[in-house]
Amino acid sequence: ADTGSGAQIAEQVADRFGVRLHRR
């Protein structure tokens, strides 16, 4: 659903879900 970069979305996922993902 998001249109940001991989790094931006990874940061948002960490904030929202508490799960750290790599941008790749």
PDB file of all heavy atoms in Angstrom:
ATOM      1  N   ALA A   1       0.815  -1.216   0.000  1.00  0.00           N
ATOM      2  CA  ALA A   1       0.000   0.000   0.000  1.00  0.00           C
ATOM      3  C   ALA A   1       0.850   1.267   0.000  1.00  0.00           C
ATOM      4  O   ALA A   1       0.394   2.324  -0.442  1.00  0.00           O
ATOM      5  CB  ALA A   1      -0.934   0.006   1.210  1.00  0.00           C
ATOM      6  N   ASP A   2       2.080   1.200   0.467  1.00  0.00           N
ATOM      7  CA  ASP A   2       2.928   2.387   0.581  1.00  0.00           C
ATOM      8  C   ASP A   2       3.719   2.599  -0.702  1.00  0.00           C
ATOM      9  O   ASP A   2       4.013   1.657  -1.425  1.00  0.00           O
ATOM     10  CB  ASP A   2       3.875   2.230   1.774  1.00  0.00           C
ATOM     11  CG  ASP A   2       4.353   3.567   2.310  1.00  0.00           C
ATOM     12  OD1 ASP A   2       4.724   4.424   1.481  1.00  0.00           O
ATOM     13  OD2 ASP A   2       4.330   3.748   3.533  1.00  0.00           O
ATOM     14  N   THR A   3       4.108   3.840  -0.954  1.00  0.00           N
ATOM     15  CA  THR A   3       4.836   4.153  -2.181  1.00  0.00           C
ATOM     16  C   THR A   3       6.234   4.706  -1.927  1.00  0.00           C
ATOM     17  O   THR A   3       6.899   5.139  -2.851  1.00  0.00           O
ATOM     18  CB  THR A   3       4.052   5.189  -3.027  1.00  0.00           C
ATOM     19  OG1 THR A   3       3.863   6.358  -2.239  1.00  0.00           O
ATOM     20  CG2 THR A   3       2.739   4.628  -3.498  1.00  0.00           C
ATOM     21  N   GLY A   4       6.707   4.691  -0.708  1.00  0.00           N
ATOM     22  CA  GLY A   4       8.034   5.207  -0.380  1.00  0.00           C
ATOM     23  C   GLY A   4       9.141   4.256  -0.816  1.00  0.00           C
ATOM     24  O   GLY A   4       8.899   3.216  -1.422  1.00  0.00           O
ATOM     25  N   SER A   5      10.370   4.627  -0.482  1.00  0.00           N
ATOM     26  CA  SER A   5      11.517   3.773  -0.802  1.00  0.00           C
ATOM     27  C   SER A   5      11.535   2.571   0.137  1.00  0.00           C
ATOM     28  O   SER A   5      10.858   2.559   1.173  1.00  0.00           O
ATOM     29  CB  SER A   5      12.818   4.568  -0.656  1.00  0.00           C
ATOM     30  OG  SER A   5      13.090   4.806   0.719  1.00  0.00           O
ATOM     31  N   GLY A   6      12.357   1.582  -0.201  1.00  0.00           N
ATOM     32  CA  GLY A   6      12.470   0.397   0.633  1.00  0.00           C
ATOM     33  C   GLY A   6      12.921   0.728   2.038  1.00  0.00           C
ATOM     34  O   GLY A   6      12.413   0.187   3.020  1.00  0.00           O
ATOM     35  N   ALA A   7      13.876   1.646   2.165  1.00  0.00           N
ATOM     36  CA  ALA A   7      14.390   2.034   3.479  1.00  0.00           C
ATOM     37  C   ALA A   7      13.324   2.767   4.289  1.00  0.00           C
ATOM     38  O   ALA A   7      13.175   2.530   5.495  1.00  0.00           O
ATOM     39  CB  ALA A   7      15.630   2.899   3.329  1.00  0.00           C
ATOM     40  N   GLN A   8      12.580   3.647   3.615  1.00  0.00           N
ATOM     41  CA  GLN A   8      11.519   4.389   4.320  1.00  0.00           C
ATOM     42  C   GLN A   8      10.425   3.440   4.814  1.00  0.00           C
ATOM     43  O   GLN A   8       9.957   3.545   5.948  1.00  0.00           O
ATOM     44  CB  GLN A   8      10.904   5.442   3.389  1.00  0.00           C
ATOM     45  CG  GLN A   8      11.827   6.583   3.068  1.00  0.00           C
ATOM     46  CD  GLN A   8      11.275   7.458   1.942  1.00  0.00           C
ATOM     47  OE1 GLN A   8      10.485   7.013   1.119  1.00  0.00           O
ATOM     48  NE2 GLN A   8      11.718   8.709   1.903  1.00  0.00           N
ATOM     49  N   ILE A   9      10.024   2.524   3.962  1.00  0.00           N
ATOM     50  CA  ILE A   9       8.965   1.585   4.340  1.00  0.00           C
ATOM     51  C   ILE A   9       9.453   0.666   5.467  1.00  0.00           C
ATOM     52  O   ILE A   9       8.705   0.381   6.406  1.00  0.00           O
ATOM     53  CB  ILE A   9       8.484   0.773   3.119  1.00  0.00           C
ATOM     54  CG1 ILE A   9       7.823   1.708   2.105  1.00  0.00           C
ATOM     55  CG2 ILE A   9       7.514  -0.320   3.543  1.00  0.00           C
ATOM     56  CD1 ILE A   9       7.462   1.052   0.806  1.00  0.00           C
ATOM     57  N   ALA A  10      10.699   0.222   5.400  1.00  0.00           N
ATOM     58  CA  ALA A  10      11.254  -0.625   6.456  1.00  0.00           C
ATOM     59  C   ALA A  10      11.206   0.100   7.797  1.00  0.00           C
ATOM     60  O   ALA A  10      10.864  -0.492   8.826  1.00  0.00           O
ATOM     61  CB  ALA A  10      12.687  -1.032   6.119  1.00  0.00           C
ATOM     62  N   GLU A  11      11.510   1.383   7.776  1.00  0.00           N
ATOM     63  CA  GLU A  11      11.451   2.187   9.003  1.00  0.00           C
ATOM     64  C   GLU A  11      10.012   2.309   9.504  1.00  0.00           C
ATOM     65  O   GLU A  11       9.746   2.199  10.700  1.00  0.00           O
ATOM     66  CB  GLU A  11      12.042   3.568   8.729  1.00  0.00           C
ATOM     67  CG  GLU A  11      12.277   4.388   9.967  1.00  0.00           C
ATOM     68  CD  GLU A  11      12.986   5.698   9.657  1.00  0.00           C
ATOM     69  OE1 GLU A  11      14.000   5.657   8.941  1.00  0.00           O
ATOM     70  OE2 GLU A  11      12.501   6.743  10.133  1.00  0.00           O
ATOM     71  N   GLN A  12       9.074   2.523   8.578  1.00  0.00           N
ATOM     72  CA  GLN A  12       7.654   2.628   8.961  1.00  0.00           C
ATOM     73  C   GLN A  12       7.132   1.301   9.528  1.00  0.00           C
ATOM     74  O   GLN A  12       6.360   1.297  10.492  1.00  0.00           O
ATOM     75  CB  GLN A  12       6.813   3.043   7.753  1.00  0.00           C
ATOM     76  CG  GLN A  12       7.078   4.466   7.290  1.00  0.00           C
ATOM     77  CD  GLN A  12       6.406   4.770   5.960  1.00  0.00           C
ATOM     78  OE1 GLN A  12       5.680   3.943   5.416  1.00  0.00           O
ATOM     79  NE2 GLN A  12       6.654   5.962   5.426  1.00  0.00           N
ATOM     80  N   VAL A  13       7.563   0.187   8.948  1.00  0.00           N
ATOM     81  CA  VAL A  13       7.159  -1.128   9.450  1.00  0.00           C
ATOM     82  C   VAL A  13       7.686  -1.316  10.874  1.00  0.00           C
ATOM     83  O   VAL A  13       6.969  -1.809  11.752  1.00  0.00           O
ATOM     84  CB  VAL A  13       7.656  -2.266   8.514  1.00  0.00           C
ATOM     85  CG1 VAL A  13       7.527  -3.622   9.176  1.00  0.00           C
ATOM     86  CG2 VAL A  13       6.896  -2.245   7.197  1.00  0.00           C
ATOM     87  N   ALA A  14       8.929  -0.899  11.108  1.00  0.00           N
ATOM     88  CA  ALA A  14       9.506  -1.024  12.450  1.00  0.00           C
ATOM     89  C   ALA A  14       8.718  -0.186  13.450  1.00  0.00           C
ATOM     90  O   ALA A  14       8.433  -0.646  14.561  1.00  0.00           O
ATOM     91  CB  ALA A  14      10.971  -0.594  12.432  1.00  0.00           C
ATOM     92  N   ASP A  15       8.345   1.024  13.060  1.00  0.00           N
ATOM     93  CA  ASP A  15       7.578   1.903  13.960  1.00  0.00           C
ATOM     94  C   ASP A  15       6.180   1.354  14.221  1.00  0.00           C
ATOM     95  O   ASP A  15       5.714   1.348  15.353  1.00  0.00           O
ATOM     96  CB  ASP A  15       7.465   3.312  13.369  1.00  0.00           C
ATOM     97  CG  ASP A  15       8.804   4.039  13.323  1.00  0.00           C
ATOM     98  OD1 ASP A  15       9.722   3.618  14.057  1.00  0.00           O
ATOM     99  OD2 ASP A  15       8.925   5.008  12.552  1.00  0.00           O
ATOM    100  N   ARG A  16       5.525   0.914  13.165  1.00  0.00           N
ATOM    101  CA  ARG A  16       4.124   0.518  13.281  1.00  0.00           C
ATOM    102  C   ARG A  16       3.929  -0.903  13.841  1.00  0.00           C
ATOM    103  O   ARG A  16       3.041  -1.131  14.640  1.00  0.00           O
ATOM    104  CB  ARG A  16       3.460   0.620  11.911  1.00  0.00           C
ATOM    105  CG  ARG A  16       1.993   0.288  11.942  1.00  0.00           C
ATOM    106  CD  ARG A  16       1.324   0.708  10.680  1.00  0.00           C
ATOM    107  NE  ARG A  16      -0.082   0.350  10.725  1.00  0.00           N
ATOM    108  CZ  ARG A  16      -0.924   0.627   9.771  1.00  0.00           C
ATOM    109  NH1 ARG A  16      -0.526   1.279   8.708  1.00  0.00           N
ATOM    110  NH2 ARG A  16      -2.173   0.265   9.871  1.00  0.00           N
ATOM    111  N   PHE A  17       4.773  -1.855  13.385  1.00  0.00           N
ATOM    112  CA  PHE A  17       4.576  -3.260  13.752  1.00  0.00           C
ATOM    113  C   PHE A  17       5.634  -3.794  14.719  1.00  0.00           C
ATOM    114  O   PHE A  17       5.511  -4.913  15.212  1.00  0.00           O
ATOM    115  CB  PHE A  17       4.566  -4.143  12.491  1.00  0.00           C
ATOM    116  CG  PHE A  17       3.462  -3.815  11.532  1.00  0.00           C
ATOM    117  CD1 PHE A  17       3.708  -3.039  10.418  1.00  0.00           C
ATOM    118  CD2 PHE A  17       2.181  -4.292  11.748  1.00  0.00           C
ATOM    119  CE1 PHE A  17       2.696  -2.739   9.516  1.00  0.00           C
ATOM    120  CE2 PHE A  17       1.158  -4.008  10.853  1.00  0.00           C
ATOM    121  CZ  PHE A  17       1.409  -3.214   9.738  1.00  0.00           C
ATOM    122  N   GLY A  18       6.695  -3.022  14.942  1.00  0.00           N
ATOM    123  CA  GLY A  18       7.761  -3.491  15.820  1.00  0.00           C
ATOM    124  C   GLY A  18       8.619  -4.579  15.198  1.00  0.00           C
ATOM    125  O   GLY A  18       9.275  -5.346  15.902  1.00  0.00           O
ATOM    126  N   VAL A  19       8.623  -4.660  13.866  1.00  0.00           N
ATOM    127  CA  VAL A  19       9.382  -5.682  13.144  1.00  0.00           C
ATOM    128  C   VAL A  19      10.415  -4.990  12.276  1.00  0.00           C
ATOM    129  O   VAL A  19      10.070  -4.132  11.462  1.00  0.00           O
ATOM    130  CB  VAL A  19       8.441  -6.547  12.257  1.00  0.00           C
ATOM    131  CG1 VAL A  19       9.237  -7.520  11.416  1.00  0.00           C
ATOM    132  CG2 VAL A  19       7.432  -7.268  13.110  1.00  0.00           C
ATOM    133  N   ARG A  20      11.688  -5.360  12.481  1.00  0.00           N
ATOM    134  CA  ARG A  20      12.752  -4.744  11.694  1.00  0.00           C
ATOM    135  C   ARG A  20      12.978  -5.558  10.419  1.00  0.00           C
ATOM    136  O   ARG A  20      13.230  -6.752  10.485  1.00  0.00           O
ATOM    137  CB  ARG A  20      14.034  -4.664  12.503  1.00  0.00           C
ATOM    138  CG  ARG A  20      13.910  -3.741  13.704  1.00  0.00           C
ATOM    139  CD  ARG A  20      15.209  -3.615  14.470  1.00  0.00           C
ATOM    140  NE  ARG A  20      16.359  -3.278  13.642  1.00  0.00           N
ATOM    141  CZ  ARG A  20      16.686  -2.033  13.244  1.00  0.00           C
ATOM    142  NH1 ARG A  20      15.930  -1.014  13.605  1.00  0.00           N
ATOM    143  NH2 ARG A  20      17.762  -1.821  12.512  1.00  0.00           N
ATOM    144  N   LEU A  21      12.854  -4.898   9.274  1.00  0.00           N
ATOM    145  CA  LEU A  21      13.096  -5.517   7.977  1.00  0.00           C
ATOM    146  C   LEU A  21      14.222  -4.777   7.280  1.00  0.00           C
ATOM    147  O   LEU A  21      14.388  -3.571   7.462  1.00  0.00           O
ATOM    148  CB  LEU A  21      11.846  -5.447   7.098  1.00  0.00           C
ATOM    149  CG  LEU A  21      10.582  -6.144   7.573  1.00  0.00           C
ATOM    150  CD1 LEU A  21       9.434  -5.860   6.612  1.00  0.00           C
ATOM    151  CD2 LEU A  21      10.808  -7.634   7.695  1.00  0.00           C
ATOM    152  N   HIS A  22      14.962  -5.481   6.465  1.00  0.00           N
ATOM    153  CA  HIS A  22      15.976  -4.848   5.634  1.00  0.00           C
ATOM    154  C   HIS A  22      15.271  -4.226   4.427  1.00  0.00           C
ATOM    155  O   HIS A  22      14.243  -4.730   3.966  1.00  0.00           O
ATOM    156  CB  HIS A  22      16.995  -5.896   5.170  1.00  0.00           C
ATOM    157  CG  HIS A  22      18.211  -5.304   4.558  1.00  0.00           C
ATOM    158  ND1 HIS A  22      18.280  -4.963   3.230  1.00  0.00           N
ATOM    159  CD2 HIS A  22      19.411  -4.986   5.110  1.00  0.00           C
ATOM    160  CE1 HIS A  22      19.479  -4.457   2.977  1.00  0.00           C
ATOM    161  NE2 HIS A  22      20.186  -4.467   4.100  1.00  0.00           N
ATOM    162  N   ARG A  23      15.821  -3.152   3.916  1.00  0.00           N
ATOM    163  CA  ARG A  23      15.183  -2.477   2.769  1.00  0.00           C
ATOM    164  C   ARG A  23      15.055  -3.416   1.574  1.00  0.00           C
ATOM    165  O   ARG A  23      14.087  -3.349   0.825  1.00  0.00           O
ATOM    166  CB  ARG A  23      15.958  -1.220   2.375  1.00  0.00           C
ATOM    167  CG  ARG A  23      17.317  -1.498   1.785  1.00  0.00           C
ATOM    168  CD  ARG A  23      17.980  -0.246   1.207  1.00  0.00           C
ATOM    169  NE  ARG A  23      19.277  -0.571   0.673  1.00  0.00           N
ATOM    170  CZ  ARG A  23      19.492  -1.138  -0.504  1.00  0.00           C
ATOM    171  NH1 ARG A  23      18.466  -1.436  -1.279  1.00  0.00           N
ATOM    172  NH2 ARG A  23      20.701  -1.423  -0.908  1.00  0.00           N
ATOM    173  N   ARG A  24      16.014  -4.336   1.395  1.00  0.00           N
ATOM    174  CA  ARG A  24      15.952  -5.273   0.278  1.00  0.00           C
ATOM    175  C   ARG A  24      14.778  -6.247   0.443  1.00  0.00           C
ATOM    176  O   ARG A  24      14.169  -6.647  -0.535  1.00  0.00           O
ATOM    177  CB  ARG A  24      17.271  -6.078   0.170  1.00  0.00           C
ATOM    178  CG  ARG A  24      18.471  -5.227  -0.188  1.00  0.00           C
ATOM    179  CD  ARG A  24      18.440  -4.722  -1.630  1.00  0.00           C
ATOM    180  NE  ARG A  24      18.566  -5.841  -2.537  1.00  0.00           N
ATOM    181  CZ  ARG A  24      17.880  -5.977  -3.661  1.00  0.00           C
ATOM    182  NH1 ARG A  24      17.027  -5.062  -4.035  1.00  0.00           N
ATOM    183  NH2 ARG A  24      18.040  -7.028  -4.416  1.00  0.00           N
TER     184      ARG A  24
END
